[in-house]
Amino acid sequence: YRDIVAYPVAIAARAIWKPISAQTPYRAMVRPCNGDPTVLNFDIEIRDLQDELCESITGLEMRVLPQTASLRPPKWLRVSP
């Protein structure tokens, strides 16, 4: 996303509605929240295969860290505009 490698630095809120496990498949909906080029903000919902909400995260803030500023995602991961 935006051809950068960003790392999570803050979360505004997280709610766990139903605990999840590593052995179970889930669906995630990730929504970009703003157009600020220096900060990436997302809201995330994690749902089970019956479409029940398991977790929600609002205001996930991601930034490029100074020590990783030159990193770029691999070509197979890049999204065309």
Protein backbone atom coordinates (compact mmCIF):
# COMPACT_ATOMS: atom_id res chain seq x y z
CA TYR A 1 0.00 0.00 0.00
CA ARG A 2 1.60 3.25 -1.20
CA ASP A 3 4.78 1.33 -2.05
CA ILE A 4 6.20 1.71 1.48
CA VAL A 5 6.96 -0.62 4.37
CA ALA A 6 5.17 0.75 7.42
CA TYR A 7 4.92 -0.55 10.98
CA PRO A 8 2.12 -0.21 13.53
CA VAL A 9 2.88 2.52 16.07
CA ALA A 10 -0.51 3.16 17.72
CA ILE A 11 -4.04 1.82 18.08
CA ALA A 12 -6.93 4.09 19.09
CA ALA A 13 -9.20 1.23 20.23
CA ARG A 14 -9.42 -2.54 20.11
CA ALA A 15 -12.40 -4.69 21.07
CA ILE A 16 -12.41 -8.47 21.35
CA TRP A 17 -15.91 -9.80 20.85
CA LYS A 18 -15.03 -13.46 20.43
CA PRO A 19 -11.53 -14.90 21.06
CA ILE A 20 -9.80 -16.25 17.96
CA SER A 21 -7.31 -19.08 17.53
CA ALA A 22 -4.43 -19.63 15.14
CA GLN A 23 -5.94 -22.90 13.87
CA THR A 24 -9.20 -21.35 12.61
CA PRO A 25 -9.67 -19.43 9.35
CA TYR A 26 -10.98 -15.85 9.53
CA ARG A 27 -11.77 -12.99 7.18
CA ALA A 28 -10.32 -9.52 7.67
CA MET A 29 -11.70 -6.26 6.33
CA VAL A 30 -9.09 -3.48 6.27
CA ARG A 31 -10.30 0.04 5.49
CA PRO A 32 -7.91 2.97 4.89
CA CYS A 33 -9.14 5.99 6.88
CA ASN A 34 -7.32 9.07 5.57
CA GLY A 35 -5.19 10.45 2.78
CA ASP A 36 -2.28 11.81 4.85
CA PRO A 37 0.84 10.71 2.92
CA THR A 38 3.03 10.54 6.05
CA VAL A 39 0.70 8.40 8.19
CA LEU A 40 -1.39 5.36 7.31
CA ASN A 41 -4.58 4.91 9.33
CA PHE A 42 -6.80 1.85 9.11
CA ASP A 43 -9.84 0.31 10.71
CA ILE A 44 -9.88 -3.48 10.81
CA GLU A 45 -12.60 -6.05 11.43
CA ILE A 46 -11.84 -9.74 11.90
CA ARG A 47 -14.82 -12.06 11.34
CA ASP A 48 -15.27 -15.81 11.47
CA LEU A 49 -16.58 -17.76 8.49
CA GLN A 50 -20.15 -17.38 9.81
CA ASP A 51 -19.63 -13.59 9.50
CA GLU A 52 -19.65 -13.04 13.28
CA LEU A 53 -17.47 -10.17 14.45
CA CYS A 54 -14.51 -11.47 16.49
CA GLU A 55 -12.29 -8.38 16.82
CA SER A 56 -12.35 -4.78 15.74
CA ILE A 57 -9.51 -2.28 15.68
CA THR A 58 -10.05 1.41 15.01
CA GLY A 59 -7.38 3.95 14.32
CA LEU A 60 -4.46 1.62 13.59
CA GLU A 61 -1.67 4.09 12.83
CA MET A 62 1.27 2.89 10.75
CA ARG A 63 4.42 4.81 9.87
CA VAL A 64 7.68 4.32 8.06
CA LEU A 65 10.40 4.00 10.68
CA PRO A 66 13.63 5.97 10.09
CA GLN A 67 15.81 2.86 10.12
CA THR A 68 13.61 1.18 7.48
CA ALA A 69 12.84 4.17 5.23
CA SER A 70 14.69 2.67 2.26
CA LEU A 71 12.74 -0.62 2.34
CA ARG A 72 10.18 -1.31 -0.38
CA PRO A 73 7.63 -4.12 -0.47
CA PRO A 74 8.37 -7.04 -2.80
CA LYS A 75 6.98 -6.64 -6.33
CA TRP A 76 4.46 -9.46 -5.86
CA LEU A 77 2.90 -7.53 -2.97
CA ARG A 78 2.54 -4.17 -4.70
CA VAL A 79 -0.89 -2.96 -5.68
CA SER A 80 -1.34 -1.08 -8.93
CA PRO A 81 -3.28 2.21 -8.71
